[in-house]
């Protein structure tokens, strides 16, 4: 499904309060994209808020929403927000891309993971502007990778309730990485 008008909210699509798709696919919004209802998919699935020269190309997952699938990708042209009490669960990989593909050069993004993610691998990527990655929710994975592009990025990891091997890779620039004292590394 592709939104061409600009702005899309995924809401309750059936009487069970869930959205269901089989065999993989993608939902793309000409921004923003808000996921406001549970989503259960099979195969590889991508949710995208396309990037433009202006701001507001955000991908938000509302509180209490559960998204489940095999391999899930979330592409936010600007900011990504996984609200508290929201959950992403994948049998394979969860990939979150913020400030991608960077159509608004010079404007960074915020990737805010306040909810929960359960997967084998979690990849969090940001573009080449000054971005902020905040992980305050619970991330449970074998491998957790945070990759920031060039510029002065800030990475805040409060991983006290999270599990997995964590790798943070920063690009060129004067970056800051803050890790809580209770993080499991």
N, C-alpha and C. Protein backbone atom coordinates (compact mmCIF):
# COMPACT_ATOMS: atom_id res chain seq x y z
N UNK A 1 0.85 -1.15 0.00
CA UNK A 1 0.00 0.00 0.00
C UNK A 1 0.90 1.23 0.00
N UNK A 2 0.56 2.21 -0.84
CA UNK A 2 1.32 3.45 -0.88
C UNK A 2 0.37 4.63 -0.76
N UNK A 3 0.65 5.52 0.18
CA UNK A 3 -0.11 6.75 0.35
C UNK A 3 0.49 7.79 -0.57
N UNK A 4 -0.31 8.40 -1.43
CA UNK A 4 0.21 9.43 -2.32
C UNK A 4 -0.27 10.82 -1.95
N UNK A 5 -1.19 10.93 -0.98
CA UNK A 5 -1.74 12.23 -0.61
C UNK A 5 -0.92 12.93 0.46
N UNK A 6 -0.23 12.18 1.27
CA UNK A 6 0.59 12.77 2.33
C UNK A 6 -0.02 12.58 3.69
N UNK A 7 0.53 11.65 4.46
CA UNK A 7 0.04 11.37 5.81
C UNK A 7 -0.87 10.17 5.83
N UNK A 8 -0.55 9.20 6.68
CA UNK A 8 -1.32 7.96 6.76
C UNK A 8 -1.31 7.46 8.19
N UNK A 9 -2.48 7.07 8.67
CA UNK A 9 -2.59 6.43 9.98
C UNK A 9 -3.16 5.04 9.78
N UNK A 10 -2.42 4.02 10.23
CA UNK A 10 -2.92 2.66 10.20
C UNK A 10 -3.76 2.46 11.44
N UNK A 11 -5.04 2.22 11.23
CA UNK A 11 -5.97 2.07 12.34
C UNK A 11 -6.61 0.70 12.24
N UNK A 12 -7.54 0.40 13.11
CA UNK A 12 -8.23 -0.88 13.16
C UNK A 12 -8.86 -1.18 11.81
N UNK A 13 -8.38 -2.23 11.14
CA UNK A 13 -8.89 -2.57 9.81
C UNK A 13 -9.92 -3.69 9.83
N UNK A 14 -10.17 -4.28 10.98
CA UNK A 14 -11.18 -5.32 11.08
C UNK A 14 -11.81 -5.26 12.47
N UNK A 15 -12.73 -6.12 12.74
CA UNK A 15 -13.44 -6.08 14.02
C UNK A 15 -12.63 -6.64 15.18
N UNK A 16 -11.44 -7.19 14.89
CA UNK A 16 -10.62 -7.78 15.94
C UNK A 16 -9.56 -6.82 16.47
N UNK A 17 -9.51 -5.61 15.92
CA UNK A 17 -8.52 -4.64 16.38
C UNK A 17 -7.13 -4.89 15.88
N UNK A 18 -6.99 -5.63 14.78
CA UNK A 18 -5.68 -5.92 14.24
C UNK A 18 -5.67 -5.73 12.74
N UNK A 19 -4.48 -5.50 12.21
CA UNK A 19 -4.27 -5.46 10.77
C UNK A 19 -3.45 -6.69 10.43
N UNK A 20 -3.83 -7.40 9.38
CA UNK A 20 -3.16 -8.66 9.05
C UNK A 20 -2.75 -8.66 7.59
N UNK A 21 -1.52 -9.10 7.31
CA UNK A 21 -1.05 -9.23 5.94
C UNK A 21 -0.24 -10.51 5.84
N UNK A 22 -0.40 -11.23 4.76
CA UNK A 22 0.37 -12.45 4.55
C UNK A 22 1.36 -12.29 3.43
N UNK A 23 2.52 -12.95 3.55
CA UNK A 23 3.47 -13.01 2.45
C UNK A 23 4.38 -11.83 2.28
N UNK A 24 4.49 -10.96 3.25
CA UNK A 24 5.40 -9.83 3.13
C UNK A 24 4.78 -8.66 2.39
N UNK A 25 5.52 -7.56 2.32
CA UNK A 25 5.03 -6.39 1.62
C UNK A 25 5.55 -5.11 2.24
N UNK A 26 4.83 -4.00 1.93
CA UNK A 26 5.26 -2.69 2.42
C UNK A 26 4.08 -1.75 2.52
N UNK A 27 4.17 -0.85 3.45
CA UNK A 27 3.24 0.27 3.56
C UNK A 27 4.10 1.52 3.56
N UNK A 28 3.86 2.39 2.58
CA UNK A 28 4.66 3.60 2.42
C UNK A 28 3.74 4.81 2.45
N UNK A 29 4.08 5.78 3.28
CA UNK A 29 3.31 7.02 3.38
C UNK A 29 4.16 8.18 2.92
N UNK A 30 3.52 9.12 2.25
CA UNK A 30 4.21 10.36 1.91
C UNK A 30 4.22 11.27 3.12
N UNK A 31 4.34 10.66 4.24
CA UNK A 31 4.63 11.21 5.56
C UNK A 31 3.55 12.11 6.12
N UNK A 32 3.37 12.01 7.41
CA UNK A 32 3.95 11.03 8.33
C UNK A 32 3.21 9.70 8.27
N UNK A 33 3.72 8.70 8.96
CA UNK A 33 3.07 7.40 9.10
C UNK A 33 2.91 7.13 10.59
N UNK A 34 1.66 6.92 11.01
CA UNK A 34 1.36 6.57 12.39
C UNK A 34 0.71 5.20 12.43
N UNK A 35 1.26 4.30 13.21
CA UNK A 35 0.68 2.97 13.37
C UNK A 35 -0.08 2.99 14.69
N UNK A 36 -1.41 2.94 14.59
CA UNK A 36 -2.28 3.12 15.75
C UNK A 36 -3.07 1.88 16.11
N UNK A 37 -2.77 0.75 15.45
CA UNK A 37 -3.47 -0.49 15.70
C UNK A 37 -2.48 -1.64 15.58
N UNK A 38 -2.77 -2.76 16.23
CA UNK A 38 -1.91 -3.93 16.16
C UNK A 38 -1.77 -4.39 14.72
N UNK A 39 -0.56 -4.88 14.38
CA UNK A 39 -0.27 -5.36 13.03
C UNK A 39 0.43 -6.71 13.14
N UNK A 40 -0.10 -7.71 12.45
CA UNK A 40 0.52 -9.03 12.40
C UNK A 40 0.76 -9.37 10.94
N UNK A 41 2.03 -9.59 10.57
CA UNK A 41 2.40 -9.86 9.18
C UNK A 41 3.29 -11.08 9.11
N UNK A 42 3.38 -11.68 7.92
CA UNK A 42 4.32 -12.77 7.68
C UNK A 42 5.28 -12.32 6.60
N UNK A 43 6.43 -12.96 6.54
CA UNK A 43 7.43 -12.58 5.55
C UNK A 43 8.14 -11.31 5.96
N UNK A 44 8.86 -10.73 5.01
CA UNK A 44 9.56 -9.47 5.24
C UNK A 44 8.59 -8.33 5.00
N UNK A 45 8.53 -7.37 5.94
CA UNK A 45 7.58 -6.27 5.80
C UNK A 45 8.27 -4.96 6.15
N UNK A 46 7.98 -3.92 5.35
CA UNK A 46 8.57 -2.60 5.54
C UNK A 46 7.48 -1.56 5.75
N UNK A 47 7.68 -0.72 6.75
CA UNK A 47 6.83 0.43 7.01
C UNK A 47 7.69 1.66 6.75
N UNK A 48 7.21 2.60 5.92
CA UNK A 48 8.06 3.73 5.55
C UNK A 48 7.30 5.05 5.54
N UNK A 49 7.94 6.06 6.11
CA UNK A 49 7.52 7.46 5.99
C UNK A 49 8.59 8.10 5.13
N UNK A 50 8.24 8.39 3.87
CA UNK A 50 9.24 8.87 2.93
C UNK A 50 9.81 10.22 3.36
N UNK A 51 11.02 10.49 2.92
CA UNK A 51 11.71 11.72 3.27
C UNK A 51 11.47 12.78 2.20
N UNK A 52 11.38 14.02 2.64
CA UNK A 52 11.24 15.15 1.72
C UNK A 52 12.14 16.27 2.20
N UNK A 53 12.22 17.35 1.43
CA UNK A 53 13.08 18.47 1.80
C UNK A 53 12.58 19.17 3.06
N UNK A 54 11.30 19.03 3.39
CA UNK A 54 10.75 19.62 4.61
C UNK A 54 10.80 18.65 5.76
N UNK A 55 10.30 19.06 6.93
CA UNK A 55 10.29 18.19 8.09
C UNK A 55 8.98 17.45 8.21
N UNK A 56 8.83 16.70 9.29
CA UNK A 56 7.59 15.99 9.57
C UNK A 56 7.45 14.64 8.93
N UNK A 57 8.54 14.12 8.40
CA UNK A 57 8.49 12.80 7.74
C UNK A 57 8.77 11.72 8.78
N UNK A 58 7.84 11.62 9.73
CA UNK A 58 8.04 10.80 10.92
C UNK A 58 7.27 9.49 10.84
N UNK A 59 7.78 8.51 11.58
CA UNK A 59 7.11 7.23 11.73
C UNK A 59 6.91 7.01 13.22
N UNK A 60 5.64 6.99 13.65
CA UNK A 60 5.30 6.84 15.06
C UNK A 60 4.50 5.57 15.28
N UNK A 61 4.79 4.85 16.36
CA UNK A 61 4.03 3.68 16.77
C UNK A 61 3.41 4.02 18.12
N UNK A 62 2.08 4.08 18.13
CA UNK A 62 1.33 4.55 19.29
C UNK A 62 1.46 3.62 20.50
N UNK A 63 1.18 4.15 21.70
CA UNK A 63 1.22 3.34 22.93
C UNK A 63 0.27 2.15 22.84
N UNK A 64 0.72 1.01 23.36
CA UNK A 64 -0.11 -0.18 23.41
C UNK A 64 -0.20 -0.98 22.13
N UNK A 65 0.37 -0.49 21.05
CA UNK A 65 0.32 -1.18 19.75
C UNK A 65 1.36 -2.30 19.73
N UNK A 66 0.97 -3.43 19.16
CA UNK A 66 1.87 -4.58 19.00
C UNK A 66 2.04 -4.86 17.51
N UNK A 67 3.30 -4.96 17.06
CA UNK A 67 3.61 -5.28 15.67
C UNK A 67 4.43 -6.55 15.69
N UNK A 68 3.95 -7.57 14.95
CA UNK A 68 4.64 -8.86 14.92
C UNK A 68 4.86 -9.29 13.48
N UNK A 69 6.03 -9.91 13.22
CA UNK A 69 6.33 -10.40 11.88
C UNK A 69 7.62 -11.18 11.85
N UNK A 70 8.04 -11.53 10.63
CA UNK A 70 9.28 -12.29 10.47
C UNK A 70 10.50 -11.37 10.54
N UNK A 71 10.66 -10.51 9.52
CA UNK A 71 11.71 -9.49 9.49
C UNK A 71 11.00 -8.17 9.23
N UNK A 72 11.20 -7.20 10.11
CA UNK A 72 10.47 -5.94 10.04
C UNK A 72 11.44 -4.78 9.87
N UNK A 73 11.13 -3.89 8.92
CA UNK A 73 11.94 -2.70 8.67
C UNK A 73 11.07 -1.47 8.82
N UNK A 74 11.60 -0.46 9.51
CA UNK A 74 10.91 0.81 9.72
C UNK A 74 11.82 1.92 9.20
N UNK A 75 11.40 2.58 8.10
CA UNK A 75 12.17 3.65 7.49
C UNK A 75 11.48 4.99 7.77
N UNK A 76 12.14 5.84 8.54
CA UNK A 76 11.59 7.17 8.84
C UNK A 76 12.45 8.21 8.13
N UNK A 77 11.81 9.03 7.32
CA UNK A 77 12.54 10.10 6.66
C UNK A 77 13.13 11.08 7.65
N UNK A 78 12.43 11.26 8.76
CA UNK A 78 12.94 12.12 9.84
C UNK A 78 12.98 11.31 11.13
N UNK A 79 12.01 11.50 12.03
CA UNK A 79 12.05 10.88 13.36
C UNK A 79 11.30 9.55 13.41
N UNK A 80 11.75 8.69 14.33
CA UNK A 80 11.08 7.42 14.63
C UNK A 80 10.78 7.40 16.12
N UNK A 81 9.54 7.01 16.48
CA UNK A 81 9.18 6.92 17.89
C UNK A 81 8.41 5.64 18.15
N UNK A 82 8.97 4.79 19.01
CA UNK A 82 8.27 3.61 19.53
C UNK A 82 7.84 3.99 20.94
N UNK A 83 6.55 4.30 21.09
CA UNK A 83 6.02 4.81 22.36
C UNK A 83 6.11 3.75 23.47
N UNK A 84 6.16 4.22 24.72
CA UNK A 84 6.12 3.26 25.85
C UNK A 84 4.87 2.39 25.74
N UNK A 85 4.96 1.17 26.11
CA UNK A 85 3.94 0.11 26.07
C UNK A 85 3.69 -0.40 24.66
N UNK A 86 4.32 0.16 23.64
CA UNK A 86 4.25 -0.41 22.29
C UNK A 86 5.33 -1.48 22.17
N UNK A 87 5.06 -2.50 21.33
CA UNK A 87 5.99 -3.63 21.20
C UNK A 87 6.17 -4.00 19.73
N UNK A 88 7.43 -4.25 19.36
CA UNK A 88 7.77 -4.81 18.06
C UNK A 88 8.38 -6.18 18.33
N UNK A 89 7.84 -7.23 17.69
CA UNK A 89 8.36 -8.59 17.84
C UNK A 89 8.63 -9.17 16.47
N UNK A 90 9.82 -9.74 16.29
CA UNK A 90 10.17 -10.35 15.01
C UNK A 90 10.90 -11.67 15.26
N UNK A 91 10.63 -12.66 14.40
CA UNK A 91 11.35 -13.92 14.48
C UNK A 91 12.80 -13.73 14.04
N UNK A 92 13.03 -12.77 13.16
CA UNK A 92 14.37 -12.51 12.64
C UNK A 92 14.90 -11.16 13.08
N UNK A 93 14.94 -10.22 12.12
CA UNK A 93 15.59 -8.92 12.34
C UNK A 93 14.59 -7.77 12.36
N UNK A 94 14.81 -6.84 13.28
CA UNK A 94 14.12 -5.56 13.27
C UNK A 94 15.15 -4.51 12.90
N UNK A 95 14.85 -3.73 11.84
CA UNK A 95 15.73 -2.66 11.41
C UNK A 95 14.98 -1.34 11.47
N UNK A 96 15.57 -0.37 12.14
CA UNK A 96 14.98 0.95 12.26
C UNK A 96 15.96 1.94 11.64
N UNK A 97 15.49 2.67 10.62
CA UNK A 97 16.31 3.65 9.94
C UNK A 97 15.71 5.04 10.14
N UNK A 98 16.48 5.96 10.72
CA UNK A 98 16.04 7.33 10.90
C UNK A 98 16.84 8.26 10.01
N UNK A 99 16.21 9.32 9.51
CA UNK A 99 16.87 10.30 8.65
C UNK A 99 17.38 9.65 7.36
N UNK A 100 16.55 8.75 6.84
CA UNK A 100 16.92 7.99 5.64
C UNK A 100 15.89 8.29 4.55
N UNK A 101 16.21 8.69 3.35
CA UNK A 101 17.54 8.78 2.74
C UNK A 101 18.19 10.15 2.86
N UNK A 102 17.74 11.00 3.76
CA UNK A 102 18.35 12.30 4.04
C UNK A 102 18.10 13.32 2.93
N UNK A 103 16.84 13.50 2.57
CA UNK A 103 16.46 14.49 1.56
C UNK A 103 16.52 15.91 2.12
N UNK A 104 16.60 16.03 3.43
CA UNK A 104 16.67 17.35 4.07
C UNK A 104 18.02 17.50 4.77
N UNK A 105 19.07 17.56 3.96
CA UNK A 105 20.43 17.62 4.48
C UNK A 105 20.57 18.76 5.49
N UNK A 106 21.27 18.46 6.59
CA UNK A 106 21.49 19.43 7.63
C UNK A 106 20.49 19.34 8.77
N UNK A 107 19.42 18.56 8.57
CA UNK A 107 18.41 18.37 9.61
C UNK A 107 18.49 16.94 10.11
N UNK A 108 18.89 16.77 11.35
CA UNK A 108 19.03 15.44 11.92
C UNK A 108 17.71 14.86 12.36
N UNK A 109 17.77 13.66 12.89
CA UNK A 109 16.56 12.96 13.34
C UNK A 109 16.76 12.48 14.77
N UNK A 110 15.62 12.09 15.36
CA UNK A 110 15.64 11.43 16.66
C UNK A 110 15.02 10.05 16.50
N UNK A 111 15.73 9.04 16.91
CA UNK A 111 15.21 7.67 16.97
C UNK A 111 15.01 7.38 18.44
N UNK A 112 13.73 7.26 18.83
CA UNK A 112 13.38 7.11 20.24
C UNK A 112 12.70 5.76 20.45
N UNK A 113 13.40 4.86 21.13
CA UNK A 113 12.87 3.54 21.43
C UNK A 113 12.51 3.53 22.91
N UNK A 114 11.26 3.86 23.20
CA UNK A 114 10.77 3.87 24.58
C UNK A 114 9.95 2.63 24.90
N UNK A 115 9.54 1.91 23.87
CA UNK A 115 8.77 0.68 24.04
C UNK A 115 9.68 -0.53 24.08
N UNK A 116 9.15 -1.68 23.65
CA UNK A 116 9.89 -2.94 23.70
C UNK A 116 10.11 -3.51 22.30
N UNK A 117 11.29 -4.11 22.12
CA UNK A 117 11.60 -4.81 20.88
C UNK A 117 12.14 -6.19 21.26
N UNK A 118 11.59 -7.22 20.59
CA UNK A 118 12.05 -8.59 20.77
C UNK A 118 12.38 -9.14 19.39
N UNK A 119 13.62 -9.56 19.16
CA UNK A 119 14.03 -10.08 17.86
C UNK A 119 15.35 -10.82 18.02
N UNK A 120 15.80 -11.48 16.96
CA UNK A 120 17.11 -12.10 16.98
C UNK A 120 18.19 -11.03 16.86
N UNK A 121 17.97 -10.09 15.92
CA UNK A 121 18.90 -8.98 15.70
C UNK A 121 18.11 -7.69 15.63
N UNK A 122 18.62 -6.64 16.26
CA UNK A 122 18.03 -5.31 16.16
C UNK A 122 19.09 -4.37 15.63
N UNK A 123 18.79 -3.71 14.49
CA UNK A 123 19.68 -2.73 13.88
C UNK A 123 19.01 -1.36 13.95
N UNK A 124 19.71 -0.37 14.51
CA UNK A 124 19.22 1.00 14.56
C UNK A 124 20.23 1.85 13.81
N UNK A 125 19.77 2.51 12.74
CA UNK A 125 20.66 3.29 11.88
C UNK A 125 20.16 4.72 11.75
N UNK A 126 21.10 5.67 11.68
CA UNK A 126 20.71 7.06 11.41
C UNK A 126 21.57 7.58 10.26
N UNK A 127 21.14 8.71 9.70
CA UNK A 127 21.81 9.28 8.54
C UNK A 127 23.05 10.08 8.89
N UNK A 128 23.47 10.92 7.94
CA UNK A 128 24.72 11.66 8.08
C UNK A 128 24.57 13.04 8.71
N UNK A 129 23.39 13.38 9.23
CA UNK A 129 23.23 14.64 9.94
C UNK A 129 23.45 14.40 11.43
N UNK A 130 23.33 15.44 12.23
CA UNK A 130 23.47 15.32 13.68
C UNK A 130 22.21 14.68 14.24
N UNK A 131 22.28 13.40 14.52
CA UNK A 131 21.12 12.62 14.96
C UNK A 131 21.24 12.25 16.43
N UNK A 132 20.08 11.92 17.03
CA UNK A 132 20.04 11.43 18.41
C UNK A 132 19.34 10.08 18.42
N UNK A 133 19.97 9.10 19.06
CA UNK A 133 19.38 7.78 19.23
C UNK A 133 19.20 7.57 20.72
N UNK A 134 17.94 7.41 21.15
CA UNK A 134 17.62 7.16 22.55
C UNK A 134 17.01 5.77 22.68
N UNK A 135 17.66 4.91 23.47
CA UNK A 135 17.13 3.58 23.75
C UNK A 135 16.88 3.52 25.25
N UNK A 136 15.62 3.73 25.64
CA UNK A 136 15.24 3.68 27.05
C UNK A 136 14.28 2.54 27.32
N UNK A 137 13.75 1.94 26.26
CA UNK A 137 12.84 0.82 26.41
C UNK A 137 13.61 -0.48 26.59
N UNK A 138 12.92 -1.58 26.47
CA UNK A 138 13.52 -2.91 26.63
C UNK A 138 13.78 -3.51 25.26
N UNK A 139 15.03 -3.85 25.00
CA UNK A 139 15.41 -4.50 23.75
C UNK A 139 15.98 -5.86 24.10
N UNK A 140 15.35 -6.90 23.58
CA UNK A 140 15.80 -8.27 23.83
C UNK A 140 16.18 -8.89 22.49
N UNK A 141 17.47 -9.14 22.30
CA UNK A 141 17.98 -9.69 21.05
C UNK A 141 19.33 -10.34 21.32
N UNK A 142 19.75 -11.20 20.39
CA UNK A 142 21.09 -11.76 20.48
C UNK A 142 22.10 -10.66 20.20
N UNK A 143 21.79 -9.82 19.19
CA UNK A 143 22.68 -8.75 18.77
C UNK A 143 21.90 -7.45 18.63
N UNK A 144 22.42 -6.39 19.21
CA UNK A 144 21.84 -5.05 19.10
C UNK A 144 22.92 -4.15 18.50
N UNK A 145 22.65 -3.60 17.30
CA UNK A 145 23.61 -2.75 16.61
C UNK A 145 23.05 -1.34 16.48
N UNK A 146 23.84 -0.35 16.87
CA UNK A 146 23.47 1.05 16.68
C UNK A 146 24.53 1.67 15.79
N UNK A 147 24.12 2.19 14.63
CA UNK A 147 25.04 2.77 13.66
C UNK A 147 24.60 4.20 13.35
N UNK A 148 25.46 5.17 13.65
CA UNK A 148 25.16 6.55 13.28
C UNK A 148 26.08 6.96 12.15
N UNK A 149 25.60 7.86 11.33
CA UNK A 149 26.42 8.33 10.22
C UNK A 149 27.37 9.43 10.68
N UNK A 150 27.83 10.19 9.71
CA UNK A 150 28.75 11.28 10.01
C UNK A 150 28.03 12.38 10.78
N UNK A 151 28.78 13.30 11.34
CA UNK A 151 28.30 14.47 12.07
C UNK A 151 28.36 14.19 13.56
N UNK A 152 27.93 15.14 14.36
CA UNK A 152 27.98 15.03 15.82
C UNK A 152 26.70 14.38 16.31
N UNK A 153 26.73 13.08 16.49
CA UNK A 153 25.57 12.32 16.92
C UNK A 153 25.61 12.09 18.43
N UNK A 154 24.41 11.86 19.00
CA UNK A 154 24.29 11.52 20.42
C UNK A 154 23.57 10.19 20.53
N UNK A 155 24.16 9.26 21.26
CA UNK A 155 23.55 7.95 21.49
C UNK A 155 23.39 7.79 23.00
N UNK A 156 22.14 7.60 23.45
CA UNK A 156 21.84 7.38 24.86
C UNK A 156 21.29 5.97 25.03
N UNK A 157 22.01 5.13 25.75
CA UNK A 157 21.61 3.74 25.96
C UNK A 157 21.31 3.50 27.43
N UNK A 158 20.06 3.25 27.73
CA UNK A 158 19.66 2.85 29.08
C UNK A 158 19.16 1.42 28.94
N UNK A 159 20.09 0.50 28.99
CA UNK A 159 19.80 -0.90 28.66
C UNK A 159 19.65 -1.78 29.89
N UNK A 160 19.29 -1.22 31.01
CA UNK A 160 19.19 -1.98 32.24
C UNK A 160 18.29 -3.19 32.16
N UNK A 161 17.18 -3.10 31.42
CA UNK A 161 16.25 -4.22 31.30
C UNK A 161 16.44 -4.97 29.99
N UNK A 162 17.43 -4.59 29.20
CA UNK A 162 17.63 -5.19 27.88
C UNK A 162 18.64 -6.33 27.94
N UNK A 163 18.59 -7.19 26.92
CA UNK A 163 19.51 -8.32 26.82
C UNK A 163 20.05 -8.40 25.41
N UNK A 164 21.35 -8.66 25.29
CA UNK A 164 21.97 -8.86 23.99
C UNK A 164 23.34 -8.21 23.95
N UNK A 165 24.14 -8.64 22.97
CA UNK A 165 25.44 -8.03 22.73
C UNK A 165 25.22 -6.72 22.00
N UNK A 166 25.76 -5.62 22.53
CA UNK A 166 25.53 -4.29 21.98
C UNK A 166 26.78 -3.79 21.28
N UNK A 167 26.62 -3.30 20.06
CA UNK A 167 27.69 -2.66 19.31
C UNK A 167 27.22 -1.28 18.89
N UNK A 168 28.02 -0.26 19.17
CA UNK A 168 27.72 1.11 18.74
C UNK A 168 28.84 1.54 17.80
N UNK A 169 28.45 1.92 16.57
CA UNK A 169 29.41 2.40 15.58
C UNK A 169 29.01 3.81 15.19
N UNK A 170 29.93 4.77 15.40
CA UNK A 170 29.65 6.14 15.03
C UNK A 170 30.49 6.52 13.82
N UNK A 171 29.96 7.44 13.04
CA UNK A 171 30.70 7.91 11.87
C UNK A 171 31.60 9.07 12.23
N UNK A 172 32.08 9.74 11.21
CA UNK A 172 32.94 10.90 11.41
C UNK A 172 32.18 11.97 12.18
N UNK A 173 32.87 12.69 13.04
CA UNK A 173 32.24 13.74 13.82
C UNK A 173 32.51 13.55 15.29
N UNK A 174 32.19 14.55 16.07
CA UNK A 174 32.41 14.52 17.51
C UNK A 174 31.16 13.94 18.17
N UNK A 175 31.12 12.63 18.32
CA UNK A 175 29.93 11.92 18.81
C UNK A 175 29.99 11.73 20.33
N UNK A 176 28.79 11.57 20.92
CA UNK A 176 28.67 11.31 22.34
C UNK A 176 27.88 10.02 22.54
N UNK A 177 28.40 9.09 23.33
CA UNK A 177 27.69 7.85 23.64
C UNK A 177 27.58 7.78 25.17
N UNK A 178 26.33 7.76 25.64
CA UNK A 178 26.05 7.65 27.08
C UNK A 178 25.44 6.29 27.35
N UNK A 179 26.00 5.55 28.30
CA UNK A 179 25.51 4.23 28.65
C UNK A 179 25.18 4.23 30.14
N UNK A 180 23.97 3.76 30.47
CA UNK A 180 23.59 3.73 31.89
C UNK A 180 24.47 2.75 32.66
N UNK A 181 24.58 2.98 33.97
CA UNK A 181 25.41 2.13 34.82
C UNK A 181 24.87 0.73 34.96
N UNK A 182 23.59 0.52 34.66
CA UNK A 182 22.99 -0.80 34.83
C UNK A 182 22.91 -1.55 33.51
N UNK A 183 23.48 -1.01 32.45
CA UNK A 183 23.38 -1.66 31.13
C UNK A 183 24.08 -3.00 31.15
N UNK A 184 23.50 -3.96 30.43
CA UNK A 184 24.11 -5.28 30.27
C UNK A 184 24.85 -5.27 28.95
N UNK A 185 26.16 -5.23 28.99
CA UNK A 185 26.96 -5.18 27.76
C UNK A 185 27.72 -6.46 27.56
